[in-house]
Protein backbone atom coordinates (compact mmCIF):
# COMPACT_ATOMS: atom_id res chain seq x y z
CA MET A 1 0.00 0.00 0.00
CA SER A 2 1.41 3.43 -0.98
CA LEU A 3 1.66 5.76 2.02
CA ASN A 4 -0.30 9.00 1.92
CA PRO A 5 1.51 11.35 4.38
CA ALA A 6 -1.61 13.48 4.98
CA GLN A 7 -3.68 10.37 5.73
CA TYR A 8 -0.93 9.06 8.00
CA LEU A 9 -0.93 12.32 9.97
CA ARG A 10 -4.73 12.13 10.31
CA TRP A 11 -4.39 8.63 11.73
CA LEU A 12 -1.75 9.83 14.21
CA ASN A 13 -3.98 12.69 15.30
CA ARG A 14 -6.94 10.37 15.73
CA TYR A 15 -4.75 7.96 17.69
CA ARG A 16 -3.66 10.83 19.94
CA GLN A 17 -7.32 11.45 20.79
CA PHE A 18 -7.64 7.84 21.94
CA ALA A 19 -4.26 7.15 23.50
CA GLY A 20 -2.92 10.58 24.54
CA ARG A 21 0.10 12.70 23.68
CA ALA A 22 2.55 10.58 25.68
CA GLU A 23 1.63 7.51 23.65
CA ILE A 24 2.10 9.39 20.37
CA GLY A 25 5.55 10.43 21.58
CA ARG A 26 6.42 6.79 22.22
CA VAL A 27 5.11 5.80 18.79
CA LEU A 28 7.18 8.43 16.99
CA ARG A 29 10.33 7.57 18.93
CA SER A 30 9.85 3.88 18.14
CA ILE A 31 9.27 4.59 14.44
CA LEU A 32 12.44 6.69 14.29
CA ALA A 33 14.42 3.99 16.07
CA CYS A 34 13.29 1.47 13.43
CA LYS A 35 14.13 3.88 10.62
CA PHE A 36 17.69 4.31 11.89
CA GLY A 37 18.19 0.62 12.65
CA ARG A 38 18.31 0.93 16.41
CA PRO A 39 17.29 -2.08 18.51
CA LEU A 40 13.85 -1.90 20.06
CA GLY A 41 13.09 -2.89 23.62
CA LYS A 42 10.02 -4.94 24.52
CA GLY A 43 8.07 -1.80 25.44
CA ALA A 44 8.80 -0.15 22.09
CA GLU A 45 7.78 -3.30 20.21
CA LEU A 46 4.45 -3.40 22.05
CA THR A 47 3.92 0.32 21.36
CA LEU A 48 4.41 -0.29 17.63
CA HIS A 49 2.09 -3.33 17.71
CA ARG A 50 -0.63 -1.22 19.32
CA TRP A 51 -0.17 1.58 16.78
CA ALA A 52 -0.12 -0.86 13.84
CA PHE A 53 -3.37 -2.44 15.08
CA PHE A 54 -5.04 0.99 15.27
CA ARG A 55 -3.67 1.98 11.83
CA ASP A 56 -4.96 -1.22 10.22
CA LEU A 57 -8.41 -0.66 11.74
CA GLN A 58 -8.56 2.79 10.13
CA GLN A 59 -8.51 1.12 6.72
CA GLU A 60 -11.60 -0.99 7.49
CA THR A 61 -14.78 0.98 6.84
CA SER A 62 -16.86 -1.60 8.74
CA MET A 63 -14.86 -1.21 11.99
CA ARG A 64 -13.92 1.50 14.43
CA ILE A 65 -12.44 1.77 17.90
CA LEU A 66 -15.09 2.79 20.41
CA ARG A 67 -12.64 3.62 23.14
CA ALA A 68 -9.12 2.89 24.30
CA GLN A 69 -8.38 2.49 27.97
CA PRO A 70 -5.03 1.73 29.64
CA HIS A 71 -5.64 -2.02 29.53
CA GLU A 72 -8.49 -2.50 27.06
CA LEU A 73 -9.63 -1.65 23.54
CA ARG A 74 -13.28 -1.82 22.45
CA VAL A 75 -13.89 -2.34 18.74
CA HIS A 76 -17.21 -1.92 16.92
CA CYS A 77 -17.87 -4.07 13.84
CA VAL A 78 -20.72 -3.72 11.35
CA GLY A 79 -22.46 -6.89 10.15
CA GLN A 80 -21.87 -8.59 6.81
CA GLY A 81 -25.33 -9.97 6.15
CA GLY A 82 -25.21 -12.57 8.91
CA LYS A 83 -27.07 -13.15 12.16
CA ALA A 84 -25.38 -10.19 13.91
CA ALA A 85 -26.07 -6.69 12.60
CA ARG A 86 -23.23 -5.28 14.68
CA LEU A 87 -20.72 -6.41 17.28
CA GLU A 88 -18.69 -4.95 20.11
CA VAL A 89 -15.45 -6.77 20.93
CA ALA A 90 -13.42 -6.13 24.09
CA LEU A 91 -9.69 -6.74 23.72
CA ARG A 92 -6.99 -6.71 26.35
CA ASP A 93 -4.28 -4.22 25.43
CA PRO A 94 -1.05 -5.44 23.75
CA GLU A 95 0.92 -3.06 25.99
CA GLY A 96 0.09 -5.45 28.79
CA GLY A 97 1.45 -8.32 26.68
CA SER A 98 -1.96 -9.57 25.53
CA SER A 99 -2.36 -11.48 22.29
CA ASP A 100 -6.02 -10.37 21.91
CA PRO A 101 -5.36 -7.77 19.17
CA PHE A 102 -3.39 -10.36 17.18
CA VAL A 103 -6.29 -12.81 17.40
CA PHE A 104 -8.72 -10.06 16.35
CA HIS A 105 -6.41 -9.12 13.46
CA GLN A 106 -6.26 -12.72 12.22
CA VAL A 107 -10.02 -13.20 12.37
CA PHE A 108 -11.50 -9.80 11.44
CA LEU A 109 -8.78 -8.06 9.42
CA GLN A 110 -6.98 -10.92 7.66
CA LYS A 111 -10.35 -12.72 7.50
CA ASP A 112 -8.74 -16.16 7.67
CA TYR A 113 -12.05 -17.80 8.58
CA GLY A 114 -13.74 -15.80 5.84
CA GLN A 115 -11.52 -17.63 3.34
CA VAL A 116 -12.47 -20.94 4.98
CA LEU A 117 -16.21 -20.18 4.80
CA ASP A 118 -15.87 -19.08 1.16
CA TRP A 119 -14.30 -22.44 0.29
CA PHE A 120 -16.99 -24.32 2.20
CA SER A 121 -19.68 -22.49 0.20
CA ARG A 122 -18.07 -23.72 -3.02
CA ALA A 123 -17.05 -27.22 -1.95
CA ALA A 124 -20.30 -27.95 -0.09
CA ALA A 125 -22.65 -26.03 -2.37
CA GLY A 126 -26.25 -26.11 -1.19
CA LYS A 127 -25.32 -26.98 2.40
CA GLU A 128 -26.04 -24.34 5.04
CA ILE A 129 -23.85 -24.10 8.12
CA LYS A 130 -26.17 -24.01 11.12
CA THR A 131 -24.30 -25.83 13.91
CA ILE A 132 -20.71 -24.95 14.87
CA LEU A 133 -18.38 -26.41 17.47
CA ASP A 134 -15.67 -23.83 18.15
CA ILE A 135 -12.89 -25.72 19.95
CA GLY A 136 -10.22 -23.39 21.28
CA ALA A 137 -12.55 -20.39 21.14
CA ASN A 138 -10.05 -18.04 22.85
CA ILE A 139 -11.89 -14.74 23.59
CA GLY A 140 -14.72 -15.41 21.14
CA CYS A 141 -13.48 -13.63 17.99
CA SER A 142 -14.10 -16.58 15.69
CA ALA A 143 -17.55 -17.32 17.14
CA LEU A 144 -18.57 -13.68 16.76
CA PHE A 145 -17.18 -13.56 13.21
CA PHE A 146 -19.29 -16.58 12.26
CA CYS A 147 -22.35 -14.65 13.47
CA LEU A 148 -21.35 -11.70 11.26
CA ARG A 149 -21.03 -13.92 8.19
CA LEU A 150 -23.65 -16.66 8.57
CA PRO A 151 -27.44 -16.18 8.69
CA ALA A 152 -28.42 -18.48 11.55
CA PRO A 153 -25.52 -20.29 13.24
CA GLU A 154 -25.78 -22.02 16.60
CA VAL A 155 -22.29 -21.89 18.13
CA PHE A 156 -20.97 -23.89 21.06
CA CYS A 157 -17.55 -22.73 22.29
CA LEU A 158 -14.96 -24.62 24.27
CA GLU A 159 -12.03 -22.72 25.86
CA PRO A 160 -9.74 -24.09 28.58
CA ASP A 161 -7.74 -21.02 29.65
CA ALA A 162 -9.37 -19.18 32.58
CA SER A 163 -8.39 -15.64 31.52
CA ASN A 164 -9.48 -16.25 27.92
CA TYR A 165 -12.73 -17.79 29.13
CA ALA A 166 -13.51 -14.74 31.28
CA ARG A 167 -12.94 -12.48 28.26
CA LEU A 168 -15.05 -14.84 26.10
CA GLN A 169 -17.92 -14.50 28.58
CA LEU A 170 -17.55 -10.69 28.53
CA ASN A 171 -17.67 -10.57 24.74
CA LEU A 172 -20.77 -12.76 24.66
CA ALA A 173 -22.41 -10.52 27.27
CA LEU A 174 -21.62 -7.46 25.12
CA ASN A 175 -23.44 -9.12 22.21
CA PRO A 176 -26.63 -10.68 23.64
CA GLY A 177 -29.14 -12.51 21.54
CA LEU A 178 -26.68 -14.42 19.37
CA GLY A 179 -27.30 -17.70 21.18
CA ILE A 180 -23.61 -18.53 21.53
CA ARG A 181 -22.99 -20.98 24.38
CA CYS A 182 -19.67 -21.71 26.06
CA LEU A 183 -17.95 -24.14 28.41
CA GLN A 184 -14.58 -23.93 30.13
CA ALA A 185 -12.73 -27.17 29.47
CA ALA A 186 -10.08 -28.68 27.21
CA LEU A 187 -10.86 -31.24 24.50
CA TRP A 188 -8.79 -34.39 25.02
CA THR A 189 -8.89 -38.09 24.19
CA HIS A 190 -10.56 -38.84 27.54
CA SER A 191 -12.00 -37.01 30.53
CA GLY A 192 -9.74 -35.96 33.41
CA ASN A 193 -7.44 -33.06 34.20
CA LEU A 194 -4.65 -31.47 32.15
CA ASN A 195 -1.68 -29.26 33.05
CA CYS A 196 -1.00 -25.90 31.39
CA ALA A 197 2.26 -25.67 29.42
CA PRO A 198 2.44 -21.97 28.38
CA GLU A 199 5.51 -22.23 26.18
CA VAL A 200 3.74 -21.88 22.84
CA ARG A 201 3.84 -18.44 21.14
CA GLU A 202 5.83 -16.75 23.93
CA GLY A 203 3.35 -17.75 26.62
CA ASN A 204 0.61 -15.37 25.46
CA GLU A 205 -3.05 -16.20 26.00
CA TRP A 206 -3.48 -17.56 22.46
CA GLY A 207 -0.68 -20.07 23.03
CA CYS A 208 -1.59 -21.95 26.22
CA ARG A 209 -1.18 -25.67 25.62
CA PHE A 210 -2.73 -28.25 27.92
CA THR A 211 -1.15 -31.65 28.35
CA GLU A 212 -1.11 -34.70 30.61
CA GLU A 213 2.66 -34.34 30.99
CA ALA A 214 4.13 -32.95 34.21
CA ILE A 215 5.32 -29.33 33.83
CA ALA A 216 9.00 -29.01 34.66
CA GLY A 217 9.70 -26.57 37.49
CA ALA A 218 6.03 -26.05 38.32
CA VAL A 219 5.36 -26.60 42.04
CA LYS A 220 1.62 -26.15 41.59
CA PRO A 221 0.84 -26.30 37.84
CA ARG A 222 -2.30 -24.68 36.51
CA THR A 223 -4.83 -27.36 35.63
CA VAL A 224 -8.09 -27.53 33.71
CA ALA A 225 -10.84 -30.11 33.32
CA ALA A 226 -10.68 -32.15 30.11
CA ILE A 227 -13.59 -33.77 28.29
CA ASP A 228 -13.69 -36.18 25.39
CA ILE A 229 -15.49 -35.62 22.13
CA ALA A 230 -18.50 -37.79 23.05
CA GLU A 231 -19.18 -35.72 26.18
CA LEU A 232 -18.67 -32.46 24.29
CA HIS A 233 -21.03 -33.54 21.53
CA LYS A 234 -23.67 -34.46 24.12
CA LYS A 235 -23.30 -31.10 25.92
CA SER A 236 -23.66 -29.20 22.64
CA GLY A 237 -27.02 -30.80 21.94
CA PHE A 238 -26.16 -30.97 18.23
CA GLY A 239 -26.87 -33.92 15.97
CA GLN A 240 -24.84 -33.18 12.87
CA VAL A 241 -22.03 -30.67 13.31
CA ASP A 242 -21.96 -28.55 10.18
CA PHE A 243 -18.64 -26.85 11.02
CA PHE A 244 -16.04 -28.20 13.42
CA LYS A 245 -13.31 -25.62 14.15
CA LEU A 246 -10.27 -26.93 16.05
CA ASP A 247 -7.41 -24.76 17.34
CA VAL A 248 -5.92 -26.53 20.36
CA GLU A 249 -2.20 -25.66 20.27
CA GLY A 250 -0.88 -29.12 19.41
CA ALA A 251 -3.48 -31.31 21.13
CA GLU A 252 -4.73 -32.16 17.65
CA ALA A 253 -1.81 -34.65 17.42
CA ALA A 254 -3.26 -36.77 20.25
CA LEU A 255 -6.82 -36.37 18.97
CA PHE A 256 -5.87 -37.49 15.46
CA ILE A 257 -4.78 -40.90 16.76
CA SER A 258 -7.93 -41.40 18.86
CA ASP A 259 -10.36 -43.84 17.25
CA THR A 260 -13.30 -42.23 19.10
CA PHE A 261 -12.40 -38.77 17.86
CA LEU A 262 -11.84 -39.92 14.28
CA SER A 263 -15.14 -41.82 14.29
CA PHE A 264 -16.87 -38.62 15.41
CA LEU A 265 -15.35 -36.68 12.49
CA ARG A 266 -16.33 -39.40 10.04
CA ASP A 267 -19.90 -39.84 11.29
CA LYS A 268 -20.97 -36.40 12.54
CA VAL A 269 -19.04 -33.61 10.81
CA LEU A 270 -19.82 -31.95 7.46
CA CYS A 271 -17.06 -29.29 7.30
CA LEU A 272 -13.99 -28.70 9.43
CA ALA A 273 -10.96 -26.44 9.84
CA VAL A 274 -8.00 -27.59 11.93
CA GLU A 275 -5.15 -25.23 12.79
CA VAL A 276 -2.18 -27.57 12.58
CA HIS A 277 0.87 -26.94 14.79
CA GLU A 278 3.68 -28.72 12.99
CA GLU A 279 5.77 -29.15 16.14
CA PHE A 280 3.26 -31.89 17.00
CA ILE A 281 1.75 -33.16 13.73
CA LYS A 282 2.60 -32.34 10.13
CA VAL A 283 0.11 -30.81 7.70
CA ASP A 284 0.60 -33.77 5.33
CA GLU A 285 -0.20 -36.22 8.15
CA ALA A 286 -3.38 -34.39 9.15
CA THR A 287 -4.44 -34.11 5.51
CA ALA A 288 -3.92 -37.83 4.89
CA ILE A 289 -5.97 -38.76 7.96
CA LEU A 290 -8.86 -36.51 6.88
CA ASN A 291 -8.73 -37.89 3.33
CA SER A 292 -8.96 -41.42 4.77
CA LEU A 293 -12.15 -40.37 6.60
CA GLY A 294 -13.79 -39.25 3.37
CA PHE A 295 -13.05 -35.51 3.44
CA GLN A 296 -12.08 -33.43 0.45
CA THR A 297 -9.26 -31.28 1.83
CA LYS A 298 -7.58 -27.94 1.19
CA VAL A 299 -4.93 -26.00 3.09
CA ILE A 300 -6.07 -22.40 3.69
CA SER A 301 -3.73 -20.10 5.61
CA GLU A 302 -2.83 -22.03 8.80
CA PHE A 303 -5.76 -24.44 8.53
CA VAL A 304 -6.22 -27.88 7.07
CA CYS A 305 -9.85 -27.71 5.93
CA GLY A 306 -12.17 -30.49 4.96
CA VAL A 307 -15.61 -30.98 3.43
CA ARG A 308 -17.26 -34.36 3.46
CA ALA A 309 -16.84 -35.81 0.00
CA THR A 310 -18.82 -39.03 0.43
CA PRO A 311 -22.56 -39.30 1.15
CA ARG A 312 -23.75 -40.36 4.61
CA GLY A 313 -26.92 -41.74 6.00
CA THR A 314 -29.22 -39.67 8.16
CA ILE A 315 -27.64 -38.72 11.49
């Protein structure tokens, strides 16, 4: 994108109204440090991330920042013909080290799930997505995006991390009437308890991984309840799952060798999108497994996507 200096100055002035003069000073100093090749500290990097997020939002006519507080941003989004006419999304501030703006950017600005839904509409022509299991829902961005795009989705969210789950509940409360339900738990091969291993993606909220393994150096590791796919399916109340979204920070490797989980995908799921973390399972491996279950597959952004290619009986 070619830079219009006048437009850039307007963005800076608008940002000053939200974030204050001191923040603008930090932004300009950080930009100059980059220009002259000086190393940036963690604070300067976060300042630039926050500014870049604001700048990118200015280019989206369907979105605007409602307010910026020291530790929170509120973003307003206009509907795209789906169930929700408008949304308000509450994000923790990147200056506090939160990954919320990055999640929002991936979902609402890059529109990664928009690309997935577009492919579904072509590959599963004539099939309407009405039931969605959102596994690894984080703060609710993907669930809310589905309500912007789709006419009548029922969404059931699963999120294990306590801080993410609290923010998910807040975002659902800010947008009543969408019928999105949620449960705090981790999806695993069997019910029980899992330990938190926050080493993925620099330990930010979008990278908490839950595992049965003991956490080295943790005197009292953070734990979460785990449920298997049969229990989750029962709690959702769904028969067929039209869209199964899975982003579980590597747990997909264990799930993809579980006969119960694979039978569920084969028998109950129409479309799916799995974010594959190649430290744990390779894209080619996940693709081959889904092909063996009768899914037509396509890699879109970070997701291995599938649409059922073979007919099934009535569920």
